[in-house]
Every structure is written in structure tokens, then in C-alpha cells.
C-alpha atoms as a PDB file:
ATOM      1  CA  MET A   1      70.649 -60.151 128.129  1.00  0.00           C
ATOM      2  CA  LYS A   2      69.743 -63.539 126.839  1.00  0.00           C
ATOM      3  CA  LYS A   3      68.329 -63.430 123.341  1.00  0.00           C
ATOM      4  CA  GLY A   4      64.929 -65.051 122.866  1.00  0.00           C
ATOM      5  CA  ALA A   5      64.356 -67.636 120.186  1.00  0.00           C
ATOM      6  CA  PHE A   6      61.822 -66.039 117.864  1.00  0.00           C
ATOM      7  CA  GLY A   7      61.100 -66.887 114.265  1.00  0.00           C
ATOM      8  CA  LEU A   8      60.022 -63.466 113.078  1.00  0.00           C
ATOM      9  CA  SER A   9      62.829 -61.185 112.063  1.00  0.00           C
ATOM     10  CA  PHE A  10      61.174 -58.177 113.703  1.00  0.00           C
ATOM     11  CA  LEU A  11      61.080 -59.870 117.073  1.00  0.00           C
ATOM     12  CA  ALA A  12      64.624 -61.066 116.591  1.00  0.00           C
ATOM     13  CA  LEU A  13      65.707 -57.478 116.005  1.00  0.00           C
ATOM     14  CA  ILE A  14      64.006 -56.393 119.226  1.00  0.00           C
ATOM     15  CA  ALA A  15      65.720 -59.200 121.092  1.00  0.00           C
ATOM     16  CA  LEU A  16      69.098 -58.196 119.688  1.00  0.00           C
ATOM     17  CA  SER A  17      68.577 -54.558 120.598  1.00  0.00           C
ATOM     18  CA  SER A  18      67.273 -55.054 124.127  1.00  0.00           C
ATOM     19  CA  ALA A  19      68.980 -58.231 125.233  1.00  0.00           C
ATOM     20  CA  ILE A  20      72.715 -57.951 124.766  1.00  0.00           C
ATOM     21  CA  GLY A  21      73.902 -57.551 128.360  1.00  0.00           C
ATOM     22  CA  CYS A  22      75.375 -61.036 128.871  1.00  0.00           C
ATOM     23  CA  ALA A  23      77.782 -60.497 125.983  1.00  0.00           C
ATOM     24  CA  VAL A  24      78.883 -56.934 126.790  1.00  0.00           C
ATOM     25  CA  SER A  25      82.446 -56.362 127.954  1.00  0.00           C
ATOM     26  CA  SER A  26      83.196 -53.857 130.700  1.00  0.00           C
ATOM     27  CA  ALA A  27      85.994 -52.525 128.512  1.00  0.00           C
ATOM     28  CA  THR A  28      83.397 -50.824 126.281  1.00  0.00           C
ATOM     29  CA  MET A  29      81.916 -48.751 129.091  1.00  0.00           C
ATOM     30  CA  GLU A  30      82.607 -45.136 130.002  1.00  0.00           C
ATOM     31  CA  PRO A  31      82.188 -43.533 133.444  1.00  0.00           C
ATOM     32  CA  THR A  32      78.861 -41.808 134.007  1.00  0.00           C
ATOM     33  CA  SER A  33      78.070 -38.542 135.693  1.00  0.00           C
ATOM     34  CA  GLY A  34      74.904 -36.589 136.392  1.00  0.00           C
ATOM     35  CA  LYS A  35      72.736 -34.978 139.014  1.00  0.00           C
ATOM     36  CA  VAL A  36      71.270 -38.314 140.157  1.00  0.00           C
ATOM     37  CA  GLY A  37      73.713 -40.266 142.288  1.00  0.00           C
ATOM     38  CA  SER A  38      74.772 -43.894 142.020  1.00  0.00           C
ATOM     39  CA  ASP A  39      75.118 -44.933 145.678  1.00  0.00           C
ATOM     40  CA  PRO A  40      71.584 -45.373 147.051  1.00  0.00           C
ATOM     41  CA  GLY A  41      71.468 -46.281 150.712  1.00  0.00           C
ATOM     42  CA  ASN A  42      75.259 -45.924 150.877  1.00  0.00           C
ATOM     43  CA  ILE A  43      75.330 -49.483 149.585  1.00  0.00           C
ATOM     44  CA  ARG A  44      78.905 -49.384 148.339  1.00  0.00           C
ATOM     45  CA  GLU A  45      80.120 -49.018 151.908  1.00  0.00           C
ATOM     46  CA  ALA A  46      77.208 -50.524 153.856  1.00  0.00           C
ATOM     47  CA  GLY A  47      76.978 -53.730 151.832  1.00  0.00           C
ATOM     48  CA  PRO A  48      74.021 -55.860 150.710  1.00  0.00           C
ATOM     49  CA  LYS A  49      72.278 -56.163 154.088  1.00  0.00           C
ATOM     50  CA  HIS A  50      72.752 -52.757 155.670  1.00  0.00           C
ATOM     51  CA  VAL A  51      71.589 -50.143 153.194  1.00  0.00           C
ATOM     52  CA  LYS A  52      70.444 -46.918 154.839  1.00  0.00           C
ATOM     53  CA  PRO A  53      69.281 -43.736 153.106  1.00  0.00           C
ATOM     54  CA  SER A  54      70.678 -40.322 153.976  1.00  0.00           C
ATOM     55  CA  GLY A  55      68.734 -37.965 156.231  1.00  0.00           C
ATOM     56  CA  LYS A  56      65.001 -38.194 155.666  1.00  0.00           C
ATOM     57  CA  ASN A  57      65.328 -39.949 152.319  1.00  0.00           C
ATOM     58  CA  GLN A  58      63.741 -43.356 151.818  1.00  0.00           C
ATOM     59  CA  LEU A  59      64.537 -46.482 149.816  1.00  0.00           C
ATOM     60  CA  ALA A  60      62.498 -48.415 147.263  1.00  0.00           C
ATOM     61  CA  SER A  61      63.355 -51.452 145.129  1.00  0.00           C
ATOM     62  CA  PHE A  62      61.711 -52.643 141.935  1.00  0.00           C
ATOM     63  CA  SER A  63      62.185 -55.579 139.572  1.00  0.00           C
ATOM     64  CA  GLY A  64      60.645 -54.969 136.176  1.00  0.00           C
ATOM     65  CA  GLY A  65      62.664 -57.026 133.723  1.00  0.00           C
ATOM     66  CA  CYS A  66      65.909 -55.716 132.239  1.00  0.00           C
ATOM     67  CA  PHE A  67      67.423 -53.496 134.904  1.00  0.00           C
ATOM     68  CA  TRP A  68      69.118 -51.196 132.402  1.00  0.00           C
ATOM     69  CA  GLY A  69      65.856 -49.676 131.243  1.00  0.00           C
ATOM     70  CA  THR A  70      64.155 -49.812 134.629  1.00  0.00           C
ATOM     71  CA  GLU A  71      66.956 -47.823 136.214  1.00  0.00           C
ATOM     72  CA  ASP A  72      66.955 -45.319 133.359  1.00  0.00           C
ATOM     73  CA  VAL A  73      63.238 -44.644 133.878  1.00  0.00           C
ATOM     74  CA  PHE A  74      63.610 -43.951 137.586  1.00  0.00           C
ATOM     75  CA  ARG A  75      66.604 -41.666 137.067  1.00  0.00           C
ATOM     76  CA  GLN A  76      64.310 -39.317 135.133  1.00  0.00           C
ATOM     77  CA  ILE A  77      61.925 -38.822 138.072  1.00  0.00           C
ATOM     78  CA  PRO A  78      62.351 -35.564 140.028  1.00  0.00           C
ATOM     79  CA  GLY A  79      62.957 -36.415 143.663  1.00  0.00           C
ATOM     80  CA  VAL A  80      64.996 -39.539 142.970  1.00  0.00           C
ATOM     81  CA  VAL A  81      68.338 -38.998 144.663  1.00  0.00           C
ATOM     82  CA  ALA A  82      70.318 -42.062 143.579  1.00  0.00           C
ATOM     83  CA  THR A  83      69.901 -45.431 141.873  1.00  0.00           C
ATOM     84  CA  ALA A  84      71.874 -48.617 141.342  1.00  0.00           C
ATOM     85  CA  VAL A  85      71.176 -51.953 139.699  1.00  0.00           C
ATOM     86  CA  GLY A  86      71.732 -55.329 141.257  1.00  0.00           C
ATOM     87  CA  TYR A  87      70.346 -58.700 142.212  1.00  0.00           C
ATOM     88  CA  THR A  88      67.954 -59.604 145.021  1.00  0.00           C
ATOM     89  CA  GLY A  89      65.545 -62.327 146.081  1.00  0.00           C
ATOM     90  CA  GLY A  90      67.879 -65.272 145.516  1.00  0.00           C
ATOM     91  CA  HIS A  91      69.854 -67.792 147.526  1.00  0.00           C
ATOM     92  CA  THR A  92      73.392 -67.304 146.203  1.00  0.00           C
ATOM     93  CA  VAL A  93      75.742 -64.931 148.030  1.00  0.00           C
ATOM     94  CA  ASN A  94      77.461 -62.313 145.845  1.00  0.00           C
ATOM     95  CA  PRO A  95      76.182 -63.667 142.509  1.00  0.00           C
ATOM     96  CA  SER A  96      77.766 -62.582 139.262  1.00  0.00           C
ATOM     97  CA  TYR A  97      75.741 -61.578 136.222  1.00  0.00           C
ATOM     98  CA  GLU A  98      76.632 -64.884 134.596  1.00  0.00           C
ATOM     99  CA  ASP A  99      75.343 -66.695 137.702  1.00  0.00           C
ATOM    100  CA  VAL A 100      72.047 -64.824 137.543  1.00  0.00           C
ATOM    101  CA  CYS A 101      71.747 -65.386 133.781  1.00  0.00           C
ATOM    102  CA  SER A 102      71.936 -69.137 134.435  1.00  0.00           C
ATOM    103  CA  HIS A 103      68.521 -68.906 136.130  1.00  0.00           C
ATOM    104  CA  THR A 104      69.781 -71.017 139.031  1.00  0.00           C
ATOM    105  CA  THR A 105      70.351 -68.417 141.766  1.00  0.00           C
ATOM    106  CA  GLY A 106      66.768 -67.207 142.248  1.00  0.00           C
ATOM    107  CA  HIS A 107      67.706 -63.545 141.955  1.00  0.00           C
ATOM    108  CA  ALA A 108      65.756 -60.890 140.094  1.00  0.00           C
ATOM    109  CA  GLU A 109      67.339 -57.998 138.217  1.00  0.00           C
ATOM    110  CA  THR A 110      66.445 -55.103 140.484  1.00  0.00           C
ATOM    111  CA  VAL A 111      66.832 -51.353 140.808  1.00  0.00           C
ATOM    112  CA  LEU A 112      67.525 -49.828 144.223  1.00  0.00           C
ATOM    113  CA  VAL A 113      66.179 -46.288 144.465  1.00  0.00           C
ATOM    114  CA  GLU A 114      66.850 -43.641 147.102  1.00  0.00           C
ATOM    115  CA  TYR A 115      64.328 -40.826 146.969  1.00  0.00           C
ATOM    116  CA  ASP A 116      63.311 -37.659 148.786  1.00  0.00           C
ATOM    117  CA  PRO A 117      59.695 -38.165 149.954  1.00  0.00           C
ATOM    118  CA  SER A 118      59.205 -34.391 150.166  1.00  0.00           C
ATOM    119  CA  LYS A 119      59.652 -34.264 146.392  1.00  0.00           C
ATOM    120  CA  VAL A 120      58.242 -37.569 145.146  1.00  0.00           C
ATOM    121  CA  SER A 121      55.907 -40.009 146.859  1.00  0.00           C
ATOM    122  CA  TYR A 122      56.277 -43.770 147.042  1.00  0.00           C
ATOM    123  CA  LYS A 123      52.877 -43.972 145.350  1.00  0.00           C
ATOM    124  CA  LYS A 124      54.275 -41.997 142.403  1.00  0.00           C
ATOM    125  CA  LEU A 125      57.250 -44.347 142.120  1.00  0.00           C
ATOM    126  CA  LEU A 126      54.845 -47.281 142.051  1.00  0.00           C
ATOM    127  CA  SER A 127      52.874 -45.608 139.271  1.00  0.00           C
ATOM    128  CA  VAL A 128      56.081 -45.257 137.250  1.00  0.00           C
ATOM    129  CA  PHE A 129      56.833 -48.920 137.910  1.00  0.00           C
ATOM    130  CA  TRP A 130      53.441 -50.131 136.635  1.00  0.00           C
ATOM    131  CA  GLU A 131      53.546 -47.962 133.530  1.00  0.00           C
ATOM    132  CA  ASN A 132      57.000 -49.026 132.381  1.00  0.00           C
ATOM    133  CA  HIS A 133      56.803 -52.808 132.302  1.00  0.00           C
ATOM    134  CA  ASP A 134      54.261 -55.579 131.824  1.00  0.00           C
ATOM    135  CA  PRO A 135      53.228 -56.884 135.270  1.00  0.00           C
ATOM    136  CA  THR A 136      51.009 -59.592 133.758  1.00  0.00           C
ATOM    137  CA  THR A 137      53.682 -61.880 132.312  1.00  0.00           C
ATOM    138  CA  VAL A 138      55.311 -64.555 134.460  1.00  0.00           C
ATOM    139  CA  ASN A 139      59.116 -64.511 134.412  1.00  0.00           C
ATOM    140  CA  ARG A 140      59.235 -62.505 131.223  1.00  0.00           C
ATOM    141  CA  GLN A 141      59.513 -58.995 129.826  1.00  0.00           C
ATOM    142  CA  GLY A 142      59.343 -58.875 126.049  1.00  0.00           C
ATOM    143  CA  PRO A 143      62.170 -61.003 124.617  1.00  0.00           C
ATOM    144  CA  ASP A 144      63.809 -61.433 128.050  1.00  0.00           C
ATOM    145  CA  ILE A 145      62.743 -64.743 129.582  1.00  0.00           C
ATOM    146  CA  GLY A 146      63.601 -66.232 132.962  1.00  0.00           C
ATOM    147  CA  SER A 147      62.922 -65.822 136.675  1.00  0.00           C
ATOM    148  CA  ASN A 148      65.545 -63.067 136.849  1.00  0.00           C
ATOM    149  CA  TYR A 149      63.175 -60.934 134.753  1.00  0.00           C
ATOM    150  CA  ARG A 150      60.180 -61.386 137.035  1.00  0.00           C
ATOM    151  CA  SER A 151      58.077 -58.486 138.259  1.00  0.00           C
ATOM    152  CA  ALA A 152      58.492 -57.664 141.953  1.00  0.00           C
ATOM    153  CA  ILE A 153      58.238 -54.860 144.486  1.00  0.00           C
ATOM    154  CA  TRP A 154      60.622 -55.099 147.449  1.00  0.00           C
ATOM    155  CA  VAL A 155      59.290 -53.133 150.413  1.00  0.00           C
ATOM    156  CA  TYR A 156      61.150 -51.697 153.397  1.00  0.00           C
ATOM    157  CA  SER A 157      58.315 -51.186 155.871  1.00  0.00           C
ATOM    158  CA  PRO A 158      54.718 -52.237 156.608  1.00  0.00           C
ATOM    159  CA  ALA A 159      53.625 -48.815 155.340  1.00  0.00           C
ATOM    160  CA  GLN A 160      55.296 -49.427 151.985  1.00  0.00           C
ATOM    161  CA  ALA A 161      53.762 -52.902 151.842  1.00  0.00           C
ATOM    162  CA  GLU A 162      50.280 -51.493 152.322  1.00  0.00           C
ATOM    163  CA  ILE A 163      50.776 -48.741 149.740  1.00  0.00           C
ATOM    164  CA  ALA A 164      52.152 -51.305 147.299  1.00  0.00           C
ATOM    165  CA  ARG A 165      49.135 -53.585 147.754  1.00  0.00           C
ATOM    166  CA  GLN A 166      46.749 -50.682 147.250  1.00  0.00           C
ATOM    167  CA  SER A 167      48.671 -49.587 144.176  1.00  0.00           C
ATOM    168  CA  LEU A 168      48.549 -53.118 142.739  1.00  0.00           C
ATOM    169  CA  ASN A 169      44.783 -53.209 143.213  1.00  0.00           C
ATOM    170  CA  GLU A 170      44.409 -49.881 141.429  1.00  0.00           C
ATOM    171  CA  ALA A 171      46.675 -51.002 138.592  1.00  0.00           C
ATOM    172  CA  GLN A 172      44.700 -54.221 138.212  1.00  0.00           C
ATOM    173  CA  LYS A 173      41.507 -52.268 137.506  1.00  0.00           C
ATOM    174  CA  LYS A 174      43.115 -50.951 134.326  1.00  0.00           C
ATOM    175  CA  LEU A 175      44.219 -54.353 133.029  1.00  0.00           C
ATOM    176  CA  THR A 176      42.441 -57.333 131.515  1.00  0.00           C
ATOM    177  CA  HIS A 177      45.014 -59.925 132.533  1.00  0.00           C
ATOM    178  CA  SER A 178      45.964 -60.670 136.119  1.00  0.00           C
ATOM    179  CA  ILE A 179      48.983 -58.967 137.645  1.00  0.00           C
ATOM    180  CA  VAL A 180      51.639 -61.482 138.728  1.00  0.00           C
ATOM    181  CA  THR A 181      53.921 -59.007 140.517  1.00  0.00           C
ATOM    182  CA  GLU A 182      55.364 -60.202 143.820  1.00  0.00           C
ATOM    183  CA  ILE A 183      55.286 -57.901 146.848  1.00  0.00           C
ATOM    184  CA  ARG A 184      58.002 -58.996 149.266  1.00  0.00           C
ATOM    185  CA  TYR A 185      60.107 -57.500 152.024  1.00  0.00           C
ATOM    186  CA  ALA A 186      63.516 -56.367 150.846  1.00  0.00           C
ATOM    187  CA  GLU A 187      66.259 -58.964 150.894  1.00  0.00           C
ATOM    188  CA  PRO A 188      70.052 -58.508 150.535  1.00  0.00           C
ATOM    189  CA  PHE A 189      70.772 -56.415 147.457  1.00  0.00           C
ATOM    190  CA  TYR A 190      73.961 -57.363 145.619  1.00  0.00           C
ATOM    191  CA  LEU A 191      75.327 -54.658 143.360  1.00  0.00           C
ATOM    192  CA  ALA A 192      75.672 -55.643 139.734  1.00  0.00           C
ATOM    193  CA  GLU A 193      78.993 -55.220 137.977  1.00  0.00           C
ATOM    194  CA  ASP A 194      80.048 -51.627 137.291  1.00  0.00           C
ATOM    195  CA  TYR A 195      79.455 -51.915 133.564  1.00  0.00           C
ATOM    196  CA  HIS A 196      75.733 -52.444 134.221  1.00  0.00           C
ATOM    197  CA  GLN A 197      75.348 -49.346 136.382  1.00  0.00           C
ATOM    198  CA  GLN A 198      73.482 -46.498 134.636  1.00  0.00           C
ATOM    199  CA  TYR A 199      73.898 -48.419 131.374  1.00  0.00           C
ATOM    200  CA  ASP A 200      71.359 -46.473 129.314  1.00  0.00           C
ATOM    201  CA  GLU A 201      72.621 -43.159 130.648  1.00  0.00           C
ATOM    202  CA  LYS A 202      76.163 -44.025 129.595  1.00  0.00           C
ATOM    203  CA  HIS A 203      75.150 -45.062 126.094  1.00  0.00           C
ATOM    204  CA  GLY A 204      72.161 -42.853 125.331  1.00  0.00           C
ATOM    205  CA  THR A 205      70.007 -45.926 124.759  1.00  0.00           C
ATOM    206  CA  HIS A 206      66.500 -46.780 125.875  1.00  0.00           C
ATOM    207  CA  PHE A 207      66.220 -50.407 124.800  1.00  0.00           C
ATOM    208  CA  CYS A 208      64.770 -52.340 127.691  1.00  0.00           C
ATOM    209  CA  PRO A 209      61.407 -50.965 128.879  1.00  0.00           C
ATOM    210  CA  VAL A 210      58.391 -52.666 127.310  1.00  0.00           C
ATOM    211  CA  ASN A 211      54.801 -51.520 127.128  1.00  0.00           C
ATOM    212  CA  HIS A 212      52.742 -52.145 130.227  1.00  0.00           C
ATOM    213  CA  GLY A 213      50.259 -55.032 130.340  1.00  0.00           C
ATOM    214  CA  SER A 214      46.739 -55.151 128.995  1.00  0.00           C
END
């Protein structure tokens, strides 16, 4: 991730710890395994525009800053079947991480989640989303700055859109500052490079999530 320019050494340390993605080589990564899958919506075969969950599962997508930490949070939720990180909401086809880091493609770092609604509700996933990032900062999460770090909920149906709006209103009651989170219908989701997938799970790190807004 792009390191912010802060004068205080403490903030610089945070930036170094949570914002190193742009400089990481795929050669340092190890394969991941676990009970939560890594192919939500069968995206690896279906492609960016044709994701479809298995059986009665459903899809959800969230942008909450650094996608490493956001994905890690959702992989801990019982009922989540699979997750992957990628880029959505932009105008460039098949963007690379370097493209997105240039802040010229319009994409947001996003987590695609497939979940079993008999085990976890969409409302619960939204609650997790609000509690694990700051929805009151424009194009920023902690030391990570840029439109690719914006807060957004990408919905897959009118029902999800309505639940998301209600959830936003409830979250706003707990905050002093205004929520800036976008609620938009899902757009093509481009998988991020393999070395970004399940990053925190591979490395045992929990760098990226920041405290929720105030």
C-alpha cells in the first residue's frame, strides 16, 4: 500500500506496517488453505461480470480501505463460505494493482464475499463492515489515501440495497461525523493478483483494519 507522508514517527510506523502492498513481491507468498474458500461466486471460471453463488448462497461486496484486512475480518465470520479480493467500480478493464495504485482507474479495493444466509444474515455482514473501518473519511482509511481506499457497499439486488440503506441510517445514529459510504449496484469485479488473496491469513498479520468512525 502507498505509504502516507506523516511527520510523526508513530504514524510513520503505522503507515509502514499497514501500507506495504505495492512493494510486496509475489515470490514471498505461500499458498493458503482453510475452511473458508477462495472462489466466491465461482469467479475464477465465471469471470468479472458473471459471478454466481452456489446453491442458495448469496454474494456481498464491500470496500473498506485496504482489502487485506477487510478480507481477513470477513473470513472470521461463521456462515461466510468464500472470499476474494479485487477491484471494482472503475473504468479500466483488467486493472493491475499498480494501475489501481496510480489512482487513475477509478477502482476501489474490494472484498467479494459468498455467504450462507441460513447461517449469517446480510444485515450481520453490514454490521461487521461498519465496525471494522471508518466510514466517515473520504477516500482514506488511516494512512492509506486515495479513491481506491474509499468506503462502498456493492449490492446485488434491490433487497440488499434497501437493507444497506437501513443499515447506514442505523450506523449514522452512532456517529458524530457524516457517513460517506457509497451504496452502488455491483459492477465487474476483477480479481487481484494471487499474492494479495488471503494476505493476512497467509502471514498471520492483522495490519489493515482501522477503528470505526466517530
